[in-house]
Structure formats: C-alpha cells, structure tokens
Amino acid sequence: MVLETQSINNTKLIQFNDKESLNAVGADDWKALKEEIESFERSELKYLVIKHINGNYSAGAQLGENINALMEDVSNAAEALWNCKKPVISLVDGIAAGAGSNMMLLSDFIIATPETRFIEVFVRRGLVVDFGGSWVLPRIIGIQKAKSLMMTSNEVNGDELNNLGILYKLCKSEDMDDEFNSLIESLDKQSFISICMVKQQIREGLDKTFTESLDLETINQNKRFLHSDAAEGMAAFLEKRAPNYKNTLDE
C-alpha cells in the first residue's frame, strides 16, 4: 500500500507515497482510493485533495500486476472520483503520467508547477488510455489536441497545461500552499451546497441536451429558493455583509 491519508481542517488529503516507483499505484491502492472517496463523501469534510509527494504526483498504475484484475479497480476508482459530489483538488508537481495524468484531469481544480510533466503514456507502453482520460480530455481541450497528446505520448509541462486551459492556477512549488489556501478561502465564502449542485449540473449536463440542462437548472434553482442559504445570501447582499452559510449538503 502506498496510499496515505490524513484529515486537516475541512480537508481529506490523499497522497501516493512510493518514491522509487514515482508514486505508482497498485491494485490495493486503487481499491483503497475508491473506499477513501466514498468515506469522504459520507463525512462532514468539504474538500478532497490529491497532492504530489517526493517531487511527483503519480506515474499511474503499477504494470507488473494482473492487468485484468487491475483494470476493474482502476475503473471503479475513476468512477468514484468523477461522481464525487464535493470539490476535488489536485496539487501537482513532477510526473503525472498514465492513470495519474487522468486522475488529475478528473479533479475540479488543478494547481500545478511549471515543472509538472503530464504524459498520456499509454500507447508508448502498448496500451490504451484508461481512468476516463479518453472521455474527459477531449471535453477539456478538444478532440484534435486530445488525439495529439494521447496518440503520441508527448510530454506536456505546466506552462503548456495552463495554456491549454487545464489548470486553475500555475505557480512555483514554494507558492503552492499559498495558492491552495487562497482557493479554499474563496470556496469557503460561497454556499457549499450551491457549489456541489453546480458541480452536479456541469457533470450531468455533459450528457444532456440544452433543454434538458435547462430543466435540471430549474429543478435545482427551485430547491435553492427554499433553502436557508438562499435567504442568507440575499439578506447578506442587501445588508452589505458577508454571508454566514450552513456549509453542509443538507437540502
């Protein structure tokens, strides 16, 4: 097991700690990742953070294992991460390759350094893209650019990732904690349930028509009008003060 977790304030921190393998993830770790995500969703913690360690994010799956058994665990972990209702943040430095690169892409916010090395390395290994990468990357950067990265295994650094619109923030390694804290401070000023419902709308909207997305927006907005956070937000605006939201997922 290389997966390590800790809870800090309102955050669950996940790291894959195996310096020798560049933080490659084994079958047991993929299972543990799914379980940790599900446990996080049941908790009162607000933010899930996957962070680099030993100078790298993750080199992806360990390839010396039973691939058929491994793939089921990889896919289950990817689905759990994509379906996570709460905000997911990746803090990235060094290698983010294979399933590690796509684990990063499934995050809601990505803060990375210029030294980040993003590699969709699969075809170089005689494999195909997994962990949802062939679904999510074209939706972020477009089909042609996604094909270019996935079919050549070309390495992309943090500056290029930022230019592609993948990153929330590009920063120096020594500034990453400050940028992360600034993001949390910004999110904490918002209605937490509204953040999570907007995430749901975006995620579900990818598979809906425009009219179906409007219907979902209407349903969710009507729920918001009846929630105490909406009353608090409007009162705070009129009274020219900061709102005091519940910060829960209670509807």
C-alpha atoms as a PDB file:
ATOM      1  CA  MET A   1       0.000   0.000   0.000  1.00  0.00           C
ATOM      2  CA  VAL A   2       1.357   3.402  -0.992  1.00  0.00           C
ATOM      3  CA  LEU A   3      -1.829   5.405  -0.392  1.00  0.00           C
ATOM      4  CA  GLU A   4      -1.687   7.665   2.660  1.00  0.00           C
ATOM      5  CA  THR A   5      -4.452   9.883   4.001  1.00  0.00           C
ATOM      6  CA  GLN A   6      -4.964  12.475   6.682  1.00  0.00           C
ATOM      7  CA  SER A   7      -7.706  14.891   7.614  1.00  0.00           C
ATOM      8  CA  ILE A   8      -6.756  18.546   8.070  1.00  0.00           C
ATOM      9  CA  ASN A   9      -9.477  21.052   8.989  1.00  0.00           C
ATOM     10  CA  ASN A  10     -12.224  20.548   6.383  1.00  0.00           C
ATOM     11  CA  THR A  11      -9.983  18.621   4.008  1.00  0.00           C
ATOM     12  CA  LYS A  12      -9.136  14.988   3.343  1.00  0.00           C
ATOM     13  CA  LEU A  13      -5.599  14.750   1.928  1.00  0.00           C
ATOM     14  CA  ILE A  14      -4.585  11.777  -0.235  1.00  0.00           C
ATOM     15  CA  GLN A  15      -1.021  11.038  -1.365  1.00  0.00           C
ATOM     16  CA  PHE A  16       0.582   8.065  -3.096  1.00  0.00           C
ATOM     17  CA  ASN A  17       3.914   7.728  -1.318  1.00  0.00           C
ATOM     18  CA  ASP A  18       6.403   5.490  -3.133  1.00  0.00           C
ATOM     19  CA  LYS A  19       9.447   7.435  -4.246  1.00  0.00           C
ATOM     20  CA  GLU A  20      11.097   4.542  -6.089  1.00  0.00           C
ATOM     21  CA  SER A  21       8.129   3.966  -8.432  1.00  0.00           C
ATOM     22  CA  LEU A  22       7.352   7.692  -8.828  1.00  0.00           C
ATOM     23  CA  ASN A  23       4.228   7.099  -6.728  1.00  0.00           C
ATOM     24  CA  ALA A  24       2.792   4.394  -8.990  1.00  0.00           C
ATOM     25  CA  VAL A  25      -0.499   2.960  -7.760  1.00  0.00           C
ATOM     26  CA  GLY A  26      -1.145  -0.747  -7.173  1.00  0.00           C
ATOM     27  CA  ALA A  27      -4.406  -2.719  -7.202  1.00  0.00           C
ATOM     28  CA  ASP A  28      -4.858  -2.490  -3.432  1.00  0.00           C
ATOM     29  CA  ASP A  29      -4.335   1.262  -3.615  1.00  0.00           C
ATOM     30  CA  TRP A  30      -6.969   1.699  -6.321  1.00  0.00           C
ATOM     31  CA  LYS A  31      -9.411  -0.180  -4.107  1.00  0.00           C
ATOM     32  CA  ALA A  32      -8.381   1.970  -1.156  1.00  0.00           C
ATOM     33  CA  LEU A  33      -8.785   5.146  -3.221  1.00  0.00           C
ATOM     34  CA  LYS A  34     -12.379   4.229  -4.058  1.00  0.00           C
ATOM     35  CA  GLU A  35     -13.085   3.473  -0.395  1.00  0.00           C
ATOM     36  CA  GLU A  36     -11.461   6.723   0.770  1.00  0.00           C
ATOM     37  CA  ILE A  37     -13.517   8.757  -1.702  1.00  0.00           C
ATOM     38  CA  GLU A  38     -16.723   7.086  -0.556  1.00  0.00           C
ATOM     39  CA  SER A  39     -15.764   7.591   3.095  1.00  0.00           C
ATOM     40  CA  PHE A  40     -15.006  11.255   2.387  1.00  0.00           C
ATOM     41  CA  GLU A  41     -18.435  11.734   0.810  1.00  0.00           C
ATOM     42  CA  ARG A  42     -20.128  10.353   3.937  1.00  0.00           C
ATOM     43  CA  SER A  43     -18.080  12.608   6.216  1.00  0.00           C
ATOM     44  CA  GLU A  44     -18.538  16.266   7.135  1.00  0.00           C
ATOM     45  CA  LEU A  45     -15.260  17.150   5.404  1.00  0.00           C
ATOM     46  CA  LYS A  46     -15.676  19.540   2.483  1.00  0.00           C
ATOM     47  CA  TYR A  47     -12.665  19.148   0.182  1.00  0.00           C
ATOM     48  CA  LEU A  48     -10.781  16.158  -1.231  1.00  0.00           C
ATOM     49  CA  VAL A  49      -7.156  16.938  -2.072  1.00  0.00           C
ATOM     50  CA  ILE A  50      -4.792  14.678  -4.038  1.00  0.00           C
ATOM     51  CA  LYS A  51      -1.275  16.035  -3.663  1.00  0.00           C
ATOM     52  CA  HIS A  52       2.189  15.330  -5.034  1.00  0.00           C
ATOM     53  CA  ILE A  53       4.854  13.884  -2.739  1.00  0.00           C
ATOM     54  CA  ASN A  54       8.541  13.016  -3.257  1.00  0.00           C
ATOM     55  CA  GLY A  55       8.603  15.534  -6.110  1.00  0.00           C
ATOM     56  CA  ASN A  56       5.943  13.721  -8.171  1.00  0.00           C
ATOM     57  CA  TYR A  57       2.163  13.376  -8.417  1.00  0.00           C
ATOM     58  CA  SER A  58       1.779   9.803  -9.715  1.00  0.00           C
ATOM     59  CA  ALA A  59       3.233   7.676 -12.520  1.00  0.00           C
ATOM     60  CA  GLY A  60      -0.093   5.848 -12.819  1.00  0.00           C
ATOM     61  CA  ALA A  61      -0.803   2.164 -12.372  1.00  0.00           C
ATOM     62  CA  GLN A  62       1.821  -0.404 -11.448  1.00  0.00           C
ATOM     63  CA  LEU A  63       2.098  -2.545 -14.577  1.00  0.00           C
ATOM     64  CA  GLY A  64       3.621  -5.669 -13.053  1.00  0.00           C
ATOM     65  CA  GLU A  65       0.262  -6.812 -11.704  1.00  0.00           C
ATOM     66  CA  ASN A  66      -2.632  -8.813 -13.180  1.00  0.00           C
ATOM     67  CA  ILE A  67      -3.903  -6.295 -15.735  1.00  0.00           C
ATOM     68  CA  ASN A  68      -7.440  -7.683 -15.974  1.00  0.00           C
ATOM     69  CA  ALA A  69      -7.964  -7.557 -12.215  1.00  0.00           C
ATOM     70  CA  LEU A  70      -6.190  -4.197 -12.009  1.00  0.00           C
ATOM     71  CA  MET A  71      -8.427  -2.572 -14.633  1.00  0.00           C
ATOM     72  CA  GLU A  72     -11.606  -3.241 -12.701  1.00  0.00           C
ATOM     73  CA  ASP A  73     -10.112  -1.492  -9.665  1.00  0.00           C
ATOM     74  CA  VAL A  74      -8.807   1.398 -11.790  1.00  0.00           C
ATOM     75  CA  SER A  75     -12.204   1.935 -13.405  1.00  0.00           C
ATOM     76  CA  ASN A  76     -14.052   1.717 -10.087  1.00  0.00           C
ATOM     77  CA  ALA A  77     -11.732   4.328  -8.576  1.00  0.00           C
ATOM     78  CA  ALA A  78     -12.150   6.599 -11.607  1.00  0.00           C
ATOM     79  CA  GLU A  79     -15.932   6.379 -11.401  1.00  0.00           C
ATOM     80  CA  ALA A  80     -15.891   7.162  -7.683  1.00  0.00           C
ATOM     81  CA  LEU A  81     -13.671  10.201  -8.278  1.00  0.00           C
ATOM     82  CA  TRP A  82     -15.751  11.514 -11.183  1.00  0.00           C
ATOM     83  CA  ASN A  83     -19.009  11.065  -9.259  1.00  0.00           C
ATOM     84  CA  CYS A  84     -17.724  12.683  -6.065  1.00  0.00           C
ATOM     85  CA  LYS A  85     -20.287  15.326  -5.105  1.00  0.00           C
ATOM     86  CA  LYS A  86     -17.847  17.536  -3.245  1.00  0.00           C
ATOM     87  CA  PRO A  87     -14.936  19.588  -4.690  1.00  0.00           C
ATOM     88  CA  VAL A  88     -11.806  17.643  -5.659  1.00  0.00           C
ATOM     89  CA  ILE A  89      -8.482  19.494  -5.841  1.00  0.00           C
ATOM     90  CA  SER A  90      -5.192  18.226  -7.278  1.00  0.00           C
ATOM     91  CA  LEU A  91      -1.857  19.780  -6.291  1.00  0.00           C
ATOM     92  CA  VAL A  92       0.617  18.665  -8.935  1.00  0.00           C
ATOM     93  CA  ASP A  93       4.380  18.717  -9.298  1.00  0.00           C
ATOM     94  CA  GLY A  94       6.661  16.422 -11.295  1.00  0.00           C
ATOM     95  CA  ILE A  95       5.360  13.326 -13.053  1.00  0.00           C
ATOM     96  CA  ALA A  96       1.631  12.916 -13.721  1.00  0.00           C
ATOM     97  CA  ALA A  97       1.554  10.016 -16.167  1.00  0.00           C
ATOM     98  CA  GLY A  98      -0.868   7.345 -17.364  1.00  0.00           C
ATOM     99  CA  ALA A  99      -3.736   6.868 -14.941  1.00  0.00           C
ATOM    100  CA  GLY A 100      -2.043   9.521 -12.792  1.00  0.00           C
ATOM    101  CA  SER A 101      -2.497  12.120 -15.535  1.00  0.00           C
ATOM    102  CA  ASN A 102      -6.182  11.295 -15.838  1.00  0.00           C
ATOM    103  CA  MET A 103      -6.701  11.210 -12.073  1.00  0.00           C
ATOM    104  CA  MET A 104      -5.512  14.816 -12.199  1.00  0.00           C
ATOM    105  CA  LEU A 105      -7.946  15.652 -15.026  1.00  0.00           C
ATOM    106  CA  LEU A 106     -10.951  14.370 -13.065  1.00  0.00           C
ATOM    107  CA  SER A 107     -10.286  16.993 -10.390  1.00  0.00           C
ATOM    108  CA  ASP A 108     -12.378  20.154 -10.208  1.00  0.00           C
ATOM    109  CA  PHE A 109      -9.384  22.407  -9.542  1.00  0.00           C
ATOM    110  CA  ILE A 110      -5.788  21.731 -10.570  1.00  0.00           C
ATOM    111  CA  ILE A 111      -2.898  23.761  -9.189  1.00  0.00           C
ATOM    112  CA  ALA A 112       0.407  22.809 -10.806  1.00  0.00           C
ATOM    113  CA  THR A 113       4.014  23.923 -11.120  1.00  0.00           C
ATOM    114  CA  PRO A 114       5.906  24.669 -14.356  1.00  0.00           C
ATOM    115  CA  GLU A 115       7.949  21.524 -13.591  1.00  0.00           C
ATOM    116  CA  THR A 116       4.853  19.321 -13.896  1.00  0.00           C
ATOM    117  CA  ARG A 117       5.332  16.579 -16.526  1.00  0.00           C
ATOM    118  CA  PHE A 118       1.946  15.459 -17.860  1.00  0.00           C
ATOM    119  CA  ILE A 119       2.170  12.362 -20.078  1.00  0.00           C
ATOM    120  CA  GLU A 120      -0.641  10.263 -21.560  1.00  0.00           C
ATOM    121  CA  VAL A 121       1.934   7.495 -21.773  1.00  0.00           C
ATOM    122  CA  PHE A 122      -0.332   4.552 -22.640  1.00  0.00           C
ATOM    123  CA  VAL A 123       0.454   3.956 -26.329  1.00  0.00           C
ATOM    124  CA  ARG A 124       4.171   4.076 -25.569  1.00  0.00           C
ATOM    125  CA  ARG A 125       3.543   1.017 -23.365  1.00  0.00           C
ATOM    126  CA  GLY A 126       1.377  -0.763 -25.955  1.00  0.00           C
ATOM    127  CA  LEU A 127      -1.789   0.065 -24.001  1.00  0.00           C
ATOM    128  CA  VAL A 128      -4.835   2.298 -24.420  1.00  0.00           C
ATOM    129  CA  VAL A 129      -5.962   5.257 -22.344  1.00  0.00           C
ATOM    130  CA  ASP A 130      -7.798   4.453 -19.093  1.00  0.00           C
ATOM    131  CA  PHE A 131      -9.074   6.140 -15.901  1.00  0.00           C
ATOM    132  CA  GLY A 132     -11.595   8.040 -18.031  1.00  0.00           C
ATOM    133  CA  GLY A 133      -8.987  10.007 -19.956  1.00  0.00           C
ATOM    134  CA  SER A 134     -10.379   9.338 -23.427  1.00  0.00           C
ATOM    135  CA  TRP A 135     -13.725  10.735 -22.245  1.00  0.00           C
ATOM    136  CA  VAL A 136     -12.614  13.750 -20.223  1.00  0.00           C
ATOM    137  CA  LEU A 137      -9.564  15.161 -22.059  1.00  0.00           C
ATOM    138  CA  PRO A 138     -11.340  15.812 -25.415  1.00  0.00           C
ATOM    139  CA  ARG A 139     -14.067  17.620 -23.492  1.00  0.00           C
ATOM    140  CA  ILE A 140     -11.488  19.911 -21.892  1.00  0.00           C
ATOM    141  CA  ILE A 141      -9.141  20.715 -24.780  1.00  0.00           C
ATOM    142  CA  GLY A 142     -10.963  19.475 -27.898  1.00  0.00           C
ATOM    143  CA  ILE A 143     -10.770  16.288 -29.930  1.00  0.00           C
ATOM    144  CA  GLN A 144      -7.807  17.116 -32.161  1.00  0.00           C
ATOM    145  CA  LYS A 145      -5.484  18.271 -29.384  1.00  0.00           C
ATOM    146  CA  ALA A 146      -6.530  15.330 -27.193  1.00  0.00           C
ATOM    147  CA  LYS A 147      -5.718  12.903 -30.014  1.00  0.00           C
ATOM    148  CA  SER A 148      -2.335  14.582 -30.410  1.00  0.00           C
ATOM    149  CA  LEU A 149      -1.425  14.100 -26.749  1.00  0.00           C
ATOM    150  CA  MET A 150      -2.860  10.597 -26.416  1.00  0.00           C
ATOM    151  CA  MET A 151      -1.607   9.148 -29.693  1.00  0.00           C
ATOM    152  CA  THR A 152       1.961  10.474 -29.423  1.00  0.00           C
ATOM    153  CA  SER A 153       2.593  10.267 -25.647  1.00  0.00           C
ATOM    154  CA  ASN A 154       4.137  13.721 -25.932  1.00  0.00           C
ATOM    155  CA  GLU A 155       5.115  15.252 -22.599  1.00  0.00           C
ATOM    156  CA  VAL A 156       3.424  18.497 -21.584  1.00  0.00           C
ATOM    157  CA  ASN A 157       4.806  20.803 -18.891  1.00  0.00           C
ATOM    158  CA  GLY A 158       2.902  23.041 -16.505  1.00  0.00           C
ATOM    159  CA  ASP A 159       3.127  26.122 -18.727  1.00  0.00           C
ATOM    160  CA  GLU A 160       1.606  24.204 -21.638  1.00  0.00           C
ATOM    161  CA  LEU A 161      -1.124  22.741 -19.422  1.00  0.00           C
ATOM    162  CA  ASN A 162      -2.001  26.264 -18.357  1.00  0.00           C
ATOM    163  CA  ASN A 163      -2.115  27.459 -21.968  1.00  0.00           C
ATOM    164  CA  LEU A 164      -4.465  24.572 -22.786  1.00  0.00           C
ATOM    165  CA  GLY A 165      -6.881  25.795 -20.098  1.00  0.00           C
ATOM    166  CA  ILE A 166      -6.473  22.692 -17.927  1.00  0.00           C
ATOM    167  CA  LEU A 167      -5.177  24.411 -14.794  1.00  0.00           C
ATOM    168  CA  TYR A 168      -6.923  26.513 -12.196  1.00  0.00           C
ATOM    169  CA  LYS A 169      -3.561  28.040 -11.298  1.00  0.00           C
ATOM    170  CA  LEU A 170       0.083  27.752 -12.366  1.00  0.00           C
ATOM    171  CA  CYS A 171       2.544  28.595  -9.603  1.00  0.00           C
ATOM    172  CA  LYS A 172       6.022  27.983  -8.283  1.00  0.00           C
ATOM    173  CA  SER A 173       6.401  24.993  -5.986  1.00  0.00           C
ATOM    174  CA  GLU A 174       7.118  27.209  -2.994  1.00  0.00           C
ATOM    175  CA  ASP A 175       3.887  29.156  -3.637  1.00  0.00           C
ATOM    176  CA  MET A 176       1.587  26.140  -3.935  1.00  0.00           C
ATOM    177  CA  ASP A 177       0.404  26.086  -0.326  1.00  0.00           C
ATOM    178  CA  ASP A 178      -0.473  29.779  -0.519  1.00  0.00           C
ATOM    179  CA  GLU A 179      -2.403  29.267  -3.759  1.00  0.00           C
ATOM    180  CA  PHE A 180      -4.225  26.299  -2.266  1.00  0.00           C
ATOM    181  CA  ASN A 181      -5.149  28.251   0.868  1.00  0.00           C
ATOM    182  CA  SER A 182      -6.350  31.125  -1.307  1.00  0.00           C
ATOM    183  CA  LEU A 183      -8.599  28.750  -3.254  1.00  0.00           C
ATOM    184  CA  ILE A 184     -10.058  27.272  -0.053  1.00  0.00           C
ATOM    185  CA  GLU A 185     -10.632  30.762   1.324  1.00  0.00           C
ATOM    186  CA  SER A 186     -12.518  31.671  -1.856  1.00  0.00           C
ATOM    187  CA  LEU A 187     -14.627  28.497  -1.795  1.00  0.00           C
ATOM    188  CA  ASP A 188     -15.411  28.925   1.904  1.00  0.00           C
ATOM    189  CA  LYS A 189     -17.084  32.256   1.130  1.00  0.00           C
ATOM    190  CA  GLN A 190     -19.653  30.509  -1.084  1.00  0.00           C
ATOM    191  CA  SER A 191     -22.669  28.366  -0.258  1.00  0.00           C
ATOM    192  CA  PHE A 192     -21.230  24.851  -0.078  1.00  0.00           C
ATOM    193  CA  ILE A 193     -24.392  23.093  -1.216  1.00  0.00           C
ATOM    194  CA  SER A 194     -24.638  25.515  -4.149  1.00  0.00           C
ATOM    195  CA  ILE A 195     -21.054  24.687  -5.159  1.00  0.00           C
ATOM    196  CA  CYS A 196     -21.855  20.977  -5.083  1.00  0.00           C
ATOM    197  CA  MET A 197     -25.094  21.391  -7.016  1.00  0.00           C
ATOM    198  CA  VAL A 198     -23.346  23.449  -9.710  1.00  0.00           C
ATOM    199  CA  LYS A 199     -20.753  20.670  -9.982  1.00  0.00           C
ATOM    200  CA  GLN A 200     -23.623  18.192 -10.424  1.00  0.00           C
ATOM    201  CA  GLN A 201     -25.236  20.364 -13.110  1.00  0.00           C
ATOM    202  CA  ILE A 202     -21.998  20.611 -15.082  1.00  0.00           C
ATOM    203  CA  ARG A 203     -21.284  16.885 -14.783  1.00  0.00           C
ATOM    204  CA  GLU A 204     -24.793  15.788 -15.754  1.00  0.00           C
ATOM    205  CA  GLY A 205     -25.084  18.468 -18.421  1.00  0.00           C
ATOM    206  CA  LEU A 206     -22.296  16.840 -20.432  1.00  0.00           C
ATOM    207  CA  ASP A 207     -24.747  14.067 -21.358  1.00  0.00           C
ATOM    208  CA  LYS A 208     -27.870  16.219 -21.756  1.00  0.00           C
ATOM    209  CA  THR A 209     -29.385  18.398 -24.438  1.00  0.00           C
ATOM    210  CA  PHE A 210     -29.609  22.151 -23.864  1.00  0.00           C
ATOM    211  CA  THR A 211     -33.298  21.847 -22.983  1.00  0.00           C
ATOM    212  CA  GLU A 212     -32.627  19.000 -20.552  1.00  0.00           C
ATOM    213  CA  SER A 213     -29.926  21.098 -18.885  1.00  0.00           C
ATOM    214  CA  LEU A 214     -32.393  23.984 -18.532  1.00  0.00           C
ATOM    215  CA  ASP A 215     -34.843  21.603 -16.865  1.00  0.00           C
ATOM    216  CA  LEU A 216     -32.152  20.476 -14.390  1.00  0.00           C
ATOM    217  CA  GLU A 217     -31.231  24.102 -13.659  1.00  0.00           C
ATOM    218  CA  THR A 218     -34.887  24.915 -12.989  1.00  0.00           C
ATOM    219  CA  ILE A 219     -35.308  21.967 -10.619  1.00  0.00           C
ATOM    220  CA  ASN A 220     -32.147  22.842  -8.693  1.00  0.00           C
ATOM    221  CA  GLN A 221     -32.894  26.576  -8.592  1.00  0.00           C
ATOM    222  CA  ASN A 222     -36.348  25.946  -7.167  1.00  0.00           C
ATOM    223  CA  LYS A 223     -34.701  23.853  -4.446  1.00  0.00           C
ATOM    224  CA  ARG A 224     -32.260  26.684  -3.740  1.00  0.00           C
ATOM    225  CA  PHE A 225     -35.041  29.268  -3.328  1.00  0.00           C
ATOM    226  CA  LEU A 226     -36.423  27.168  -0.465  1.00  0.00           C
ATOM    227  CA  HIS A 227     -33.064  26.667   1.265  1.00  0.00           C
ATOM    228  CA  SER A 228     -31.823  28.802   4.149  1.00  0.00           C
ATOM    229  CA  ASP A 229     -28.585  29.560   2.269  1.00  0.00           C
ATOM    230  CA  ALA A 230     -30.544  31.441  -0.410  1.00  0.00           C
ATOM    231  CA  ALA A 231     -32.290  33.581   2.208  1.00  0.00           C
ATOM    232  CA  GLU A 232     -28.964  34.206   3.928  1.00  0.00           C
ATOM    233  CA  GLY A 233     -27.228  35.098   0.654  1.00  0.00           C
ATOM    234  CA  MET A 234     -29.900  37.602  -0.317  1.00  0.00           C
ATOM    235  CA  ALA A 235     -30.011  39.130   3.167  1.00  0.00           C
ATOM    236  CA  ALA A 236     -26.223  39.474   3.225  1.00  0.00           C
ATOM    237  CA  PHE A 237     -26.295  41.218  -0.157  1.00  0.00           C
ATOM    238  CA  LEU A 238     -28.959  43.697   0.956  1.00  0.00           C
ATOM    239  CA  GLU A 239     -27.242  44.311   4.294  1.00  0.00           C
ATOM    240  CA  LYS A 240     -23.828  44.666   2.643  1.00  0.00           C
ATOM    241  CA  ARG A 241     -22.156  41.999   4.800  1.00  0.00           C
ATOM    242  CA  ALA A 242     -20.501  38.615   4.305  1.00  0.00           C
ATOM    243  CA  PRO A 243     -22.983  35.715   4.286  1.00  0.00           C
ATOM    244  CA  ASN A 244     -22.948  33.091   7.017  1.00  0.00           C
ATOM    245  CA  TYR A 245     -23.820  29.866   5.183  1.00  0.00           C
ATOM    246  CA  LYS A 246     -24.579  26.473   6.740  1.00  0.00           C
ATOM    247  CA  ASN A 247     -21.697  24.778   4.854  1.00  0.00           C
ATOM    248  CA  THR A 248     -23.468  21.433   4.696  1.00  0.00           C
ATOM    249  CA  LEU A 249     -25.082  19.329   1.983  1.00  0.00           C
ATOM    250  CA  ASP A 250     -28.447  19.358   3.771  1.00  0.00           C
ATOM    251  CA  GLU A 251     -31.108  20.353   1.269  1.00  0.00           C
END
